Amino acid sequence: MVRAVLLGVAVAAGPVLGQATIDVPSGQPVSLIETVWGEPGPTGLTLRFRFLAPEIARDGGAVDFETAAEDMAYLCEAYALPRLSELGARPSQIVISLSDRPLPFGTADPEATQFFEAYSPEGDRCIWEGF
């Protein structure tokens, strides 16, 4: 069973309506789309934090994958880890994803740019797993 907290999906070219922009190292505007849990991962409980990041767009975006990867690591440690106790779960894996437009979880869109990274939470650190 998928349990998702949808926090708003309304604007494809900017932050999610009603959601604050989250500061990341690159300075790009990033906002939370949703948090998904209850979808099994390869190593057990996986929490997925899905973010809108319009600046990663292939057409007109200014943030490349290497820069976005630094932002994803930051989001894991500074955003996801502090929320684990609020969610009442201790996952074996955290997946951070960035998308240039809101998409329903699990769907593909050939026009969309999406980046994903997986991490193992260890104390106050996120250890990169890579796909």
Protein backbone atom coordinates (compact mmCIF):
# COMPACT_ATOMS: atom_id res chain seq x y z
CA MET A 1 0.00 0.00 0.00
CA VAL A 2 1.39 3.39 -0.96
CA ARG A 3 0.92 6.14 1.58
CA ALA A 4 1.79 9.53 0.20
CA VAL A 5 1.47 12.98 1.59
CA LEU A 6 0.71 15.24 -1.33
CA LEU A 7 1.60 18.76 -0.41
CA GLY A 8 0.40 20.47 -3.54
CA VAL A 9 1.00 20.21 -7.24
CA ALA A 10 0.01 23.21 -9.26
CA VAL A 11 2.82 25.04 -11.02
CA ALA A 12 5.15 23.34 -13.49
CA ALA A 13 7.56 26.23 -13.86
CA GLY A 14 7.97 27.35 -10.26
CA PRO A 15 7.72 26.21 -6.68
CA VAL A 16 4.79 24.05 -5.71
CA LEU A 17 1.85 26.27 -4.87
CA GLY A 18 1.70 26.94 -1.15
CA GLN A 19 5.10 25.43 -0.43
CA ALA A 20 8.14 27.33 0.70
CA THR A 21 11.29 27.17 -1.35
CA ILE A 22 13.99 25.10 0.37
CA ASP A 23 17.49 26.56 0.36
CA VAL A 24 20.04 24.26 -1.30
CA PRO A 25 23.77 24.79 -2.02
CA SER A 26 23.24 25.64 -5.72
CA GLY A 27 20.70 28.35 -4.91
CA GLN A 28 18.14 26.86 -7.30
CA PRO A 29 14.49 27.05 -6.20
CA VAL A 30 13.47 23.67 -4.76
CA SER A 31 10.17 22.77 -3.10
CA LEU A 32 8.74 19.53 -1.76
CA ILE A 33 6.18 17.82 -3.99
CA GLU A 34 5.49 14.83 -1.72
CA THR A 35 6.90 12.23 0.62
CA VAL A 36 6.18 8.60 -0.28
CA TRP A 37 6.57 5.63 2.01
CA GLY A 38 5.14 2.14 2.07
CA GLU A 39 6.51 1.36 -1.41
CA PRO A 40 9.04 -1.43 -0.92
CA GLY A 41 12.64 -0.76 -1.86
CA PRO A 42 15.46 -3.20 -2.59
CA THR A 43 16.70 -3.17 1.02
CA GLY A 44 13.47 -2.79 3.01
CA LEU A 45 11.57 0.34 4.02
CA THR A 46 12.35 3.20 1.65
CA LEU A 47 11.29 6.80 2.13
CA ARG A 48 11.13 8.91 -1.00
CA PHE A 49 11.30 12.68 -0.86
CA ARG A 50 10.21 14.13 -4.20
CA PHE A 51 11.16 17.73 -4.97
CA LEU A 52 10.33 20.17 -7.72
CA ALA A 53 13.48 21.75 -9.17
CA PRO A 54 12.63 23.64 -12.40
CA GLU A 55 16.26 24.67 -12.97
CA ILE A 56 17.27 21.10 -13.91
CA ALA A 57 15.20 21.28 -17.12
CA ARG A 58 17.04 20.26 -20.28
CA ASP A 59 15.62 23.25 -22.09
CA GLY A 60 16.41 26.47 -20.30
CA GLY A 61 17.62 24.99 -17.01
CA ALA A 62 20.83 26.24 -15.43
CA VAL A 63 21.63 23.31 -13.07
CA ASP A 64 23.53 20.25 -14.32
CA PHE A 65 23.53 16.79 -12.74
CA GLU A 66 26.75 17.28 -10.75
CA THR A 67 25.36 20.42 -9.13
CA ALA A 68 21.98 18.76 -8.54
CA ALA A 69 23.74 15.77 -6.93
CA GLU A 70 25.22 18.10 -4.31
CA ASP A 71 21.75 19.52 -3.70
CA MET A 72 20.29 16.00 -3.31
CA ALA A 73 22.94 15.02 -0.74
CA TYR A 74 22.19 18.23 1.14
CA LEU A 75 18.43 17.59 1.01
CA CYS A 76 18.96 14.10 2.42
CA GLU A 77 20.96 15.33 5.42
CA ALA A 78 19.36 18.72 6.07
CA TYR A 79 15.75 17.99 5.09
CA ALA A 80 14.97 14.26 5.11
CA LEU A 81 16.93 13.05 8.14
CA PRO A 82 15.43 15.58 10.57
CA ARG A 83 11.93 14.50 9.50
CA LEU A 84 12.38 10.77 10.13
CA SER A 85 11.14 11.04 13.71
CA GLU A 86 8.08 13.03 12.53
CA LEU A 87 7.24 10.24 10.09
CA GLY A 88 7.69 7.59 12.77
CA ALA A 89 9.87 5.44 10.58
CA ARG A 90 13.48 4.37 10.38
CA PRO A 91 14.03 3.45 6.74
CA SER A 92 16.89 1.41 5.39
CA GLN A 93 17.01 3.74 2.40
CA ILE A 94 16.14 7.34 1.54
CA VAL A 95 15.61 8.32 -2.09
CA ILE A 96 15.83 11.97 -3.03
CA SER A 97 14.43 12.91 -6.42
CA LEU A 98 14.36 16.17 -8.31
CA SER A 99 12.01 16.82 -11.20
CA ASP A 100 11.67 19.87 -13.41
CA ARG A 101 7.87 19.46 -13.32
CA PRO A 102 5.34 17.75 -11.03
CA LEU A 103 4.67 14.16 -12.08
CA PRO A 104 2.61 11.50 -10.33
CA PHE A 105 4.79 9.03 -8.42
CA GLY A 106 5.97 6.16 -10.59
CA THR A 107 5.19 7.76 -13.93
CA ALA A 108 7.60 8.63 -16.70
CA ASP A 109 7.42 11.58 -19.04
CA PRO A 110 9.97 11.78 -21.87
CA GLU A 111 9.75 15.57 -21.73
CA ALA A 112 10.60 15.72 -18.02
CA THR A 113 14.05 15.90 -16.49
CA GLN A 114 14.36 13.83 -13.31
CA PHE A 115 17.35 13.03 -11.11
CA PHE A 116 17.38 10.39 -8.36
CA GLU A 117 19.88 9.42 -5.67
CA ALA A 118 19.65 6.77 -2.95
CA TYR A 119 21.18 7.03 0.53
CA SER A 120 21.50 4.90 3.64
CA PRO A 121 20.74 6.90 6.79
CA GLU A 122 23.49 6.47 9.39
CA GLY A 123 23.08 8.71 12.42
CA ASP A 124 23.11 12.29 11.19
CA ARG A 125 24.63 11.37 7.82
CA CYS A 126 23.32 10.13 4.49
CA ILE A 127 25.65 7.64 2.84
CA TRP A 128 25.35 7.69 -0.95
CA GLU A 129 24.39 4.31 -2.42
CA GLY A 130 24.10 5.10 -6.09
CA PHE A 131 21.81 3.21 -8.41
